[in-house]
PDB file of N, CA and C in Angstrom:
ATOM      1  N   MET A   1       0.447  -0.675   0.286  1.00  0.00           N
ATOM      2  CA  MET A   1      -0.238   0.336   0.123  1.00  0.00           C
ATOM      3  C   MET A   1       0.379   1.371  -0.489  1.00  0.00           C
ATOM      4  N   ASN A   2       0.894   2.152  -0.521  1.00  0.00           N
ATOM      5  CA  ASN A   2       0.931   3.887  -0.547  1.00  0.00           C
ATOM      6  C   ASN A   2       0.821   4.140  -0.040  1.00  0.00           C
ATOM      7  N   GLN A   3       2.438   4.399   0.959  1.00  0.00           N
ATOM      8  CA  GLN A   3       1.137   5.871   1.972  1.00  0.00           C
ATOM      9  C   GLN A   3       1.925   7.790   1.694  1.00  0.00           C
ATOM     10  N   VAL A   4       1.017   8.548   2.070  1.00  0.00           N
ATOM     11  CA  VAL A   4       1.599   9.388   1.813  1.00  0.00           C
ATOM     12  C   VAL A   4       1.475   9.661   3.282  1.00  0.00           C
ATOM     13  N   ALA A   5       2.053  11.744   2.609  1.00  0.00           N
ATOM     14  CA  ALA A   5       2.138  12.255   3.580  1.00  0.00           C
ATOM     15  C   ALA A   5       1.132  13.574   3.747  1.00  0.00           C
ATOM     16  N   PHE A   6       0.266  13.995   4.902  1.00  0.00           N
ATOM     17  CA  PHE A   6      -0.555  15.878   4.590  1.00  0.00           C
ATOM     18  C   PHE A   6       0.311  16.043   5.759  1.00  0.00           C
ATOM     19  N   THR A   7      -0.618  17.206   6.229  1.00  0.00           N
ATOM     20  CA  THR A   7       0.009  17.585   7.500  1.00  0.00           C
ATOM     21  C   THR A   7      -1.524  18.461   7.731  1.00  0.00           C
ATOM     22  N   VAL A   8      -1.653  18.949   9.420  1.00  0.00           N
ATOM     23  CA  VAL A   8      -2.090  19.095  10.341  1.00  0.00           C
ATOM     24  C   VAL A   8      -2.345  20.571  10.809  1.00  0.00           C
ATOM     25  N   ARG A   9      -3.155  21.181  10.513  1.00  0.00           N
ATOM     26  CA  ARG A   9      -2.794  22.836  12.041  1.00  0.00           C
ATOM     27  C   ARG A   9      -3.582  21.953  13.210  1.00  0.00           C
ATOM     28  N   MET A  10      -2.819  22.460  14.596  1.00  0.00           N
ATOM     29  CA  MET A  10      -3.240  22.995  15.247  1.00  0.00           C
ATOM     30  C   MET A  10      -2.852  23.268  16.904  1.00  0.00           C
ATOM     31  N   ASP A  11      -3.222  24.164  17.162  1.00  0.00           N
ATOM     32  CA  ASP A  11      -2.947  25.045  18.530  1.00  0.00           C
ATOM     33  C   ASP A  11      -1.380  23.661  19.012  1.00  0.00           C
ATOM     34  N   ASN A  12      -0.621  24.265  19.427  1.00  0.00           N
ATOM     35  CA  ASN A  12       0.106  23.936  20.430  1.00  0.00           C
ATOM     36  C   ASN A  12       0.271  22.665  20.677  1.00  0.00           C
ATOM     37  N   SER A  13      -0.424  23.875  22.097  1.00  0.00           N
ATOM     38  CA  SER A  13      -1.272  22.927  23.210  1.00  0.00           C
ATOM     39  C   SER A  13      -2.244  21.820  23.059  1.00  0.00           C
ATOM     40  N   LEU A  14      -2.962  22.173  21.816  1.00  0.00           N
ATOM     41  CA  LEU A  14      -3.872  20.289  20.995  1.00  0.00           C
ATOM     42  C   LEU A  14      -2.768  19.022  21.139  1.00  0.00           C
ATOM     43  N   LYS A  15      -1.820  19.969  20.063  1.00  0.00           N
ATOM     44  CA  LYS A  15      -1.100  18.620  20.451  1.00  0.00           C
ATOM     45  C   LYS A  15       0.002  18.056  21.271  1.00  0.00           C
ATOM     46  N   ASN A  16       0.140  18.812  21.829  1.00  0.00           N
ATOM     47  CA  ASN A  16       1.120  18.086  23.256  1.00  0.00           C
ATOM     48  C   ASN A  16       0.361  17.323  23.814  1.00  0.00           C
ATOM     49  N   LYS A  17      -0.809  18.374  24.007  1.00  0.00           N
ATOM     50  CA  LYS A  17      -2.166  16.556  25.142  1.00  0.00           C
ATOM     51  C   LYS A  17      -2.498  15.718  24.193  1.00  0.00           C
ATOM     52  N   PHE A  18      -1.816  15.647  22.895  1.00  0.00           N
ATOM     53  CA  PHE A  18      -3.287  15.244  21.429  1.00  0.00           C
ATOM     54  C   PHE A  18      -1.761  13.748  22.324  1.00  0.00           C
ATOM     55  N   GLU A  19      -0.043  14.590  21.369  1.00  0.00           N
ATOM     56  CA  GLU A  19       0.682  13.506  21.446  1.00  0.00           C
ATOM     57  C   GLU A  19       0.656  12.284  22.398  1.00  0.00           C
ATOM     58  N   GLU A  20       0.777  13.300  24.092  1.00  0.00           N
ATOM     59  CA  GLU A  20       1.057  12.443  25.576  1.00  0.00           C
ATOM     60  C   GLU A  20      -0.321  11.541  25.798  1.00  0.00           C
ATOM     61  N   MET A  21      -1.827  11.554  25.360  1.00  0.00           N
ATOM     62  CA  MET A  21      -2.812  10.954  24.641  1.00  0.00           C
ATOM     63  C   MET A  21      -2.703   9.722  23.722  1.00  0.00           C
ATOM     64  N   CYS A  22      -1.800   9.454  23.182  1.00  0.00           N
ATOM     65  CA  CYS A  22      -1.276   8.375  22.038  1.00  0.00           C
ATOM     66  C   CYS A  22      -0.541   7.871  22.460  1.00  0.00           C
ATOM     67  N   GLU A  23       0.073   7.824  23.360  1.00  0.00           N
ATOM     68  CA  GLU A  23       1.673   7.469  24.313  1.00  0.00           C
ATOM     69  C   GLU A  23       1.449   6.758  24.983  1.00  0.00           C
ATOM     70  N   ASN A  24       0.342   7.412  25.242  1.00  0.00           N
ATOM     71  CA  ASN A  24      -0.635   6.371  26.876  1.00  0.00           C
ATOM     72  C   ASN A  24      -1.387   5.691  25.984  1.00  0.00           C
ATOM     73  N   PHE A  25      -1.493   6.002  24.851  1.00  0.00           N
ATOM     74  CA  PHE A  25      -2.630   4.544  24.358  1.00  0.00           C
ATOM     75  C   PHE A  25      -0.942   3.493  24.164  1.00  0.00           C
ATOM     76  N   GLY A  26       0.288   3.622  23.840  1.00  0.00           N
ATOM     77  CA  GLY A  26       0.696   3.360  22.994  1.00  0.00           C
ATOM     78  C   GLY A  26       0.864   3.822  21.374  1.00  0.00           C
ATOM     79  N   MET A  27       0.764   4.318  21.192  1.00  0.00           N
ATOM     80  CA  MET A  27       0.470   4.977  19.309  1.00  0.00           C
ATOM     81  C   MET A  27       1.385   6.085  19.265  1.00  0.00           C
ATOM     82  N   SER A  28       1.148   5.770  18.098  1.00  0.00           N
ATOM     83  CA  SER A  28       1.779   7.622  17.072  1.00  0.00           C
ATOM     84  C   SER A  28       0.996   8.834  17.261  1.00  0.00           C
ATOM     85  N   MET A  29       0.928   9.709  17.100  1.00  0.00           N
ATOM     86  CA  MET A  29      -0.228  10.352  15.948  1.00  0.00           C
ATOM     87  C   MET A  29      -0.374  10.032  14.649  1.00  0.00           C
ATOM     88  N   SER A  30       0.105   9.982  14.043  1.00  0.00           N
ATOM     89  CA  SER A  30      -0.460   9.275  12.948  1.00  0.00           C
ATOM     90  C   SER A  30      -1.069   8.086  13.335  1.00  0.00           C
ATOM     91  N   THR A  31      -0.633   7.051  13.745  1.00  0.00           N
ATOM     92  CA  THR A  31      -1.015   5.535  14.468  1.00  0.00           C
ATOM     93  C   THR A  31      -2.734   5.983  15.170  1.00  0.00           C
ATOM     94  N   ALA A  32      -3.466   6.744  15.357  1.00  0.00           N
ATOM     95  CA  ALA A  32      -4.129   6.910  16.416  1.00  0.00           C
ATOM     96  C   ALA A  32      -4.954   7.996  14.879  1.00  0.00           C
ATOM     97  N   ILE A  33      -4.690   8.745  13.961  1.00  0.00           N
ATOM     98  CA  ILE A  33      -5.390   9.268  13.102  1.00  0.00           C
ATOM     99  C   ILE A  33      -5.537   8.673  12.470  1.00  0.00           C
ATOM    100  N   ASN A  34      -5.382   7.662  11.616  1.00  0.00           N
ATOM    101  CA  ASN A  34      -5.673   6.266  10.932  1.00  0.00           C
ATOM    102  C   ASN A  34      -6.301   5.419  11.171  1.00  0.00           C
ATOM    103  N   VAL A  35      -6.089   6.020  12.839  1.00  0.00           N
ATOM    104  CA  VAL A  35      -7.699   4.644  13.259  1.00  0.00           C
ATOM    105  C   VAL A  35      -8.836   5.254  13.388  1.00  0.00           C
ATOM    106  N   PHE A  36      -8.688   6.974  13.276  1.00  0.00           N
ATOM    107  CA  PHE A  36     -10.063   8.197  13.263  1.00  0.00           C
ATOM    108  C   PHE A  36     -10.788   7.747  11.552  1.00  0.00           C
ATOM    109  N   ALA A  37      -9.254   7.735  10.211  1.00  0.00           N
ATOM    110  CA  ALA A  37      -9.446   8.184   9.372  1.00  0.00           C
ATOM    111  C   ALA A  37     -10.204   6.308   9.127  1.00  0.00           C
ATOM    112  N   ARG A  38     -10.080   5.258   9.799  1.00  0.00           N
ATOM    113  CA  ARG A  38     -10.263   4.374   9.003  1.00  0.00           C
ATOM    114  C   ARG A  38     -11.588   3.239   9.749  1.00  0.00           C
ATOM    115  N   ALA A  39     -12.015   4.351  10.927  1.00  0.00           N
ATOM    116  CA  ALA A  39     -13.251   4.394  11.568  1.00  0.00           C
ATOM    117  C   ALA A  39     -14.015   4.944  11.029  1.00  0.00           C
ATOM    118  N   VAL A  40     -13.991   6.322  10.941  1.00  0.00           N
ATOM    119  CA  VAL A  40     -14.849   7.829   9.189  1.00  0.00           C
ATOM    120  C   VAL A  40     -15.079   6.374   7.660  1.00  0.00           C
ATOM    121  N   ILE A  41     -14.283   6.111   7.395  1.00  0.00           N
ATOM    122  CA  ILE A  41     -14.626   4.946   7.377  1.00  0.00           C
ATOM    123  C   ILE A  41     -15.839   4.066   6.571  1.00  0.00           C
ATOM    124  N   LYS A  42     -14.881   3.295   7.433  1.00  0.00           N
ATOM    125  CA  LYS A  42     -16.146   1.723   7.890  1.00  0.00           C
ATOM    126  C   LYS A  42     -17.074   1.992   8.438  1.00  0.00           C
ATOM    127  N   GLN A  43     -17.479   3.303   9.411  1.00  0.00           N
ATOM    128  CA  GLN A  43     -18.567   3.468   9.698  1.00  0.00           C
ATOM    129  C   GLN A  43     -20.337   4.760   8.816  1.00  0.00           C
ATOM    130  N   LYS A  44     -18.880   4.985   7.839  1.00  0.00           N
ATOM    131  CA  LYS A  44     -19.817   6.061   6.775  1.00  0.00           C
ATOM    132  C   LYS A  44     -20.431   7.145   7.916  1.00  0.00           C
ATOM    133  N   LYS A  45     -19.828   7.729   9.159  1.00  0.00           N
ATOM    134  CA  LYS A  45     -19.825   9.338   9.853  1.00  0.00           C
ATOM    135  C   LYS A  45     -18.885   9.080  10.573  1.00  0.00           C
ATOM    136  N   ILE A  46     -18.612  10.233  11.195  1.00  0.00           N
ATOM    137  CA  ILE A  46     -17.558  11.039  11.971  1.00  0.00           C
ATOM    138  C   ILE A  46     -18.264   9.573  13.122  1.00  0.00           C
ATOM    139  N   PRO A  47     -16.729   8.412  14.332  1.00  0.00           N
ATOM    140  CA  PRO A  47     -17.234   7.709  15.358  1.00  0.00           C
ATOM    141  C   PRO A  47     -17.547   8.814  16.075  1.00  0.00           C
ATOM    142  N   PHE A  48     -18.031   9.588  16.577  1.00  0.00           N
ATOM    143  CA  PHE A  48     -19.135  10.280  17.495  1.00  0.00           C
ATOM    144  C   PHE A  48     -19.794  11.193  17.371  1.00  0.00           C
ATOM    145  N   ASP A  49     -20.157  11.856  18.850  1.00  0.00           N
ATOM    146  CA  ASP A  49     -20.802  12.897  18.770  1.00  0.00           C
ATOM    147  C   ASP A  49     -21.030  13.865  18.164  1.00  0.00           C
ATOM    148  N   ILE A  50     -21.229  14.957  17.403  1.00  0.00           N
ATOM    149  CA  ILE A  50     -20.957  16.082  17.806  1.00  0.00           C
ATOM    150  C   ILE A  50     -21.163  17.220  16.930  1.00  0.00           C
ATOM    151  N   ALA A  51     -22.050  18.032  18.426  1.00  0.00           N
ATOM    152  CA  ALA A  51     -23.125  18.234  19.122  1.00  0.00           C
ATOM    153  C   ALA A  51     -23.088  20.050  20.338  1.00  0.00           C
ATOM    154  N   TYR A  52     -23.946  21.228  19.190  1.00  0.00           N
ATOM    155  CA  TYR A  52     -23.549  22.216  19.934  1.00  0.00           C
ATOM    156  C   TYR A  52     -24.923  22.825  21.091  1.00  0.00           C
ATOM    157  N   ASP A  53     -23.599  23.501  21.675  1.00  0.00           N
ATOM    158  CA  ASP A  53     -24.786  24.311  22.679  1.00  0.00           C
ATOM    159  C   ASP A  53     -25.812  24.236  22.659  1.00  0.00           C
ATOM    160  N   THR A  54     -27.614  24.259  22.952  1.00  0.00           N
ATOM    161  CA  THR A  54     -28.958  24.687  23.078  1.00  0.00           C
ATOM    162  C   THR A  54     -28.852  26.518  23.033  1.00  0.00           C
ATOM    163  N   ASN A  55     -28.230  26.750  24.443  1.00  0.00           N
ATOM    164  CA  ASN A  55     -28.234  27.648  25.203  1.00  0.00           C
ATOM    165  C   ASN A  55     -28.007  29.232  24.369  1.00  0.00           C
ATOM    166  N   VAL A  56     -26.102  28.137  23.902  1.00  0.00           N
ATOM    167  CA  VAL A  56     -25.431  29.306  22.948  1.00  0.00           C
ATOM    168  C   VAL A  56     -27.096  29.718  21.744  1.00  0.00           C
ATOM    169  N   ASP A  57     -27.994  29.152  21.423  1.00  0.00           N
ATOM    170  CA  ASP A  57     -28.545  29.861  19.971  1.00  0.00           C
ATOM    171  C   ASP A  57     -29.659  30.741  21.053  1.00  0.00           C
ATOM    172  N   LEU A  58     -30.084  29.856  22.299  1.00  0.00           N
ATOM    173  CA  LEU A  58     -30.885  31.402  23.263  1.00  0.00           C
ATOM    174  C   LEU A  58     -30.716  32.074  23.263  1.00  0.00           C
ATOM    175  N   ILE A  59     -29.822  31.793  23.242  1.00  0.00           N
ATOM    176  CA  ILE A  59     -28.678  33.960  24.473  1.00  0.00           C
ATOM    177  C   ILE A  59     -29.006  34.139  22.675  1.00  0.00           C
ATOM    178  N   ARG A  60     -28.385  33.877  21.702  1.00  0.00           N
ATOM    179  CA  ARG A  60     -27.802  34.465  20.834  1.00  0.00           C
ATOM    180  C   ARG A  60     -29.408  35.567  20.990  1.00  0.00           C
ATOM    181  N   ALA A  61     -30.921  34.321  20.716  1.00  0.00           N
ATOM    182  CA  ALA A  61     -31.696  34.614  20.260  1.00  0.00           C
ATOM    183  C   ALA A  61     -32.316  36.358  20.770  1.00  0.00           C
ATOM    184  N   LYS A  62     -31.637  35.400  21.711  1.00  0.00           N
ATOM    185  CA  LYS A  62     -32.744  36.907  23.076  1.00  0.00           C
ATOM    186  C   LYS A  62     -31.179  37.985  22.643  1.00  0.00           C
ATOM    187  N   THR A  63     -30.356  37.896  22.176  1.00  0.00           N
ATOM    188  CA  THR A  63     -29.798  39.397  22.046  1.00  0.00           C
ATOM    189  C   THR A  63     -30.030  39.688  20.740  1.00  0.00           C
ATOM    190  N   ILE A  64     -30.879  39.232  19.910  1.00  0.00           N
ATOM    191  CA  ILE A  64     -31.080  39.832  18.820  1.00  0.00           C
ATOM    192  C   ILE A  64     -32.342  40.244  19.057  1.00  0.00           C
ATOM    193  N   ALA A  65     -33.667  39.644  19.762  1.00  0.00           N
ATOM    194  CA  ALA A  65     -34.526  40.066  20.616  1.00  0.00           C
ATOM    195  C   ALA A  65     -34.315  41.970  20.875  1.00  0.00           C
ATOM    196  N   LYS A  66     -32.806  41.725  21.431  1.00  0.00           N
ATOM    197  CA  LYS A  66     -32.900  42.836  22.500  1.00  0.00           C
ATOM    198  C   LYS A  66     -32.958  43.633  20.981  1.00  0.00           C
ATOM    199  N   GLU A  67     -31.983  44.298  20.772  1.00  0.00           N
ATOM    200  CA  GLU A  67     -31.608  44.561  19.795  1.00  0.00           C
ATOM    201  C   GLU A  67     -32.478  45.419  18.539  1.00  0.00           C
ATOM    202  N   LEU A  68     -33.789  44.825  18.335  1.00  0.00           N
ATOM    203  CA  LEU A  68     -34.136  45.154  17.540  1.00  0.00           C
ATOM    204  C   LEU A  68     -35.903  45.321  18.248  1.00  0.00           C
ATOM    205  N   ARG A  69     -35.467  45.591  19.605  1.00  0.00           N
ATOM    206  CA  ARG A  69     -36.754  46.026  20.379  1.00  0.00           C
ATOM    207  C   ARG A  69     -35.461  47.563  20.234  1.00  0.00           C
ATOM    208  N   GLU A  70     -34.528  47.776  20.636  1.00  0.00           N
ATOM    209  CA  GLU A  70     -33.987  48.785  20.720  1.00  0.00           C
ATOM    210  C   GLU A  70     -33.989  49.553  19.235  1.00  0.00           C
ATOM    211  N   ASP A  71     -34.139  48.859  18.574  1.00  0.00           N
ATOM    212  CA  ASP A  71     -33.978  49.700  17.474  1.00  0.00           C
ATOM    213  C   ASP A  71     -35.830  49.676  17.099  1.00  0.00           C
ATOM    214  N   ALA A  72     -36.005  49.760  16.954  1.00  0.00           N
ATOM    215  CA  ALA A  72     -37.557  49.487  17.095  1.00  0.00           C
ATOM    216  C   ALA A  72     -38.042  51.237  17.983  1.00  0.00           C
ATOM    217  N   LYS A  73     -37.196  51.489  19.184  1.00  0.00           N
ATOM    218  CA  LYS A  73     -37.998  52.336  19.703  1.00  0.00           C
ATOM    219  C   LYS A  73     -37.347  53.772  19.636  1.00  0.00           C
ATOM    220  N   LYS A  74     -35.607  53.675  19.522  1.00  0.00           N
ATOM    221  CA  LYS A  74     -34.562  54.981  18.694  1.00  0.00           C
ATOM    222  C   LYS A  74     -35.532  54.884  16.813  1.00  0.00           C
ATOM    223  N   ASN A  75     -36.038  53.805  16.519  1.00  0.00           N
ATOM    224  CA  ASN A  75     -37.230  54.359  14.889  1.00  0.00           C
ATOM    225  C   ASN A  75     -38.012  54.781  15.361  1.00  0.00           C
ATOM    226  N   GLY A  76     -39.089  55.818  16.968  1.00  0.00           N
ATOM    227  CA  GLY A  76     -40.855  55.167  16.618  1.00  0.00           C
ATOM    228  C   GLY A  76     -41.574  54.057  16.341  1.00  0.00           C
ATOM    229  N   THR A  77     -41.531  53.145  16.458  1.00  0.00           N
ATOM    230  CA  THR A  77     -41.631  51.550  15.242  1.00  0.00           C
ATOM    231  C   THR A  77     -42.476  50.444  16.906  1.00  0.00           C
ATOM    232  N   ALA A  78     -41.611  51.560  17.636  1.00  0.00           N
ATOM    233  CA  ALA A  78     -42.002  50.296  19.213  1.00  0.00           C
ATOM    234  C   ALA A  78     -43.096  49.911  19.417  1.00  0.00           C
ATOM    235  N   ASP A  79     -44.078  50.263  19.414  1.00  0.00           N
ATOM    236  CA  ASP A  79     -45.776  50.875  19.797  1.00  0.00           C
ATOM    237  C   ASP A  79     -46.771  50.758  18.724  1.00  0.00           C
ATOM    238  N   MET A  80     -46.020  49.754  17.676  1.00  0.00           N
ATOM    239  CA  MET A  80     -46.692  49.534  16.694  1.00  0.00           C
ATOM    240  C   MET A  80     -47.426  48.010  16.647  1.00  0.00           C
ATOM    241  N   SER A  81     -48.964  48.065  16.439  1.00  0.00           N
ATOM    242  CA  SER A  81     -49.466  46.202  16.687  1.00  0.00           C
ATOM    243  C   SER A  81     -48.965  45.544  15.794  1.00  0.00           C
ATOM    244  N   LEU A  82     -49.324  44.657  15.313  1.00  0.00           N
ATOM    245  CA  LEU A  82     -48.725  43.711  14.632  1.00  0.00           C
ATOM    246  C   LEU A  82     -49.373  43.817  13.304  1.00  0.00           C
ATOM    247  N   GLU A  83     -50.537  44.362  13.464  1.00  0.00           N
ATOM    248  CA  GLU A  83     -51.192  44.922  12.231  1.00  0.00           C
ATOM    249  C   GLU A  83     -50.946  45.426  11.499  1.00  0.00           C
ATOM    250  N   GLU A  84     -49.766  46.752  11.812  1.00  0.00           N
ATOM    251  CA  GLU A  84     -49.726  47.796  11.946  1.00  0.00           C
ATOM    252  C   GLU A  84     -48.404  47.420  10.919  1.00  0.00           C
ATOM    253  N   ILE A  85     -47.051  46.766  11.188  1.00  0.00           N
ATOM    254  CA  ILE A  85     -46.360  46.004  11.389  1.00  0.00           C
ATOM    255  C   ILE A  85     -46.823  45.275   9.729  1.00  0.00           C
ATOM    256  N   ASN A  86     -47.602  44.281   9.632  1.00  0.00           N
ATOM    257  CA  ASN A  86     -47.694  43.502   8.490  1.00  0.00           C
ATOM    258  C   ASN A  86     -47.836  44.291   7.543  1.00  0.00           C
ATOM    259  N   LYS A  87     -48.575  45.754   7.942  1.00  0.00           N
ATOM    260  CA  LYS A  87     -49.090  46.969   6.720  1.00  0.00           C
ATOM    261  C   LYS A  87     -47.986  47.174   6.311  1.00  0.00           C
ATOM    262  N   GLU A  88     -46.841  47.303   7.010  1.00  0.00           N
ATOM    263  CA  GLU A  88     -45.691  47.953   6.880  1.00  0.00           C
ATOM    264  C   GLU A  88     -45.120  47.291   6.050  1.00  0.00           C
ATOM    265  N   ILE A  89     -45.100  45.629   6.043  1.00  0.00           N
ATOM    266  CA  ILE A  89     -43.895  44.772   5.226  1.00  0.00           C
ATOM    267  C   ILE A  89     -44.354  44.611   3.910  1.00  0.00           C
ATOM    268  N   TYR A  90     -45.973  44.441   3.718  1.00  0.00           N
ATOM    269  CA  TYR A  90     -46.191  44.130   2.832  1.00  0.00           C
ATOM    270  C   TYR A  90     -47.771  45.310   2.010  1.00  0.00           C
ATOM    271  N   GLY A  91     -46.758  45.979   2.184  1.00  0.00           N
ATOM    272  CA  GLY A  91     -48.324  47.149   1.830  1.00  0.00           C
ATOM    273  C   GLY A  91     -49.630  47.280   2.050  1.00  0.00           C
TER     274      GLY A  91
END
């Protein structure tokens, strides 16, 4: 099997911790990356969950809503009814 090299960029601290963990597992970083690649191919997915914190989205939504309320107050549109808003948007 022909082997090729490729470069991976990562934070130095992350690299050092990863290298230490790999040594604890008795393998090189290269072997660990190969294990990961084989697992992705075999399972046809990333072999672990990748998720995000929904609280981040909630905080972002609240921030946007607050900014919209402040803009409405500045523009004098804060007291508009839903009917007035729809008329403004749709004519």
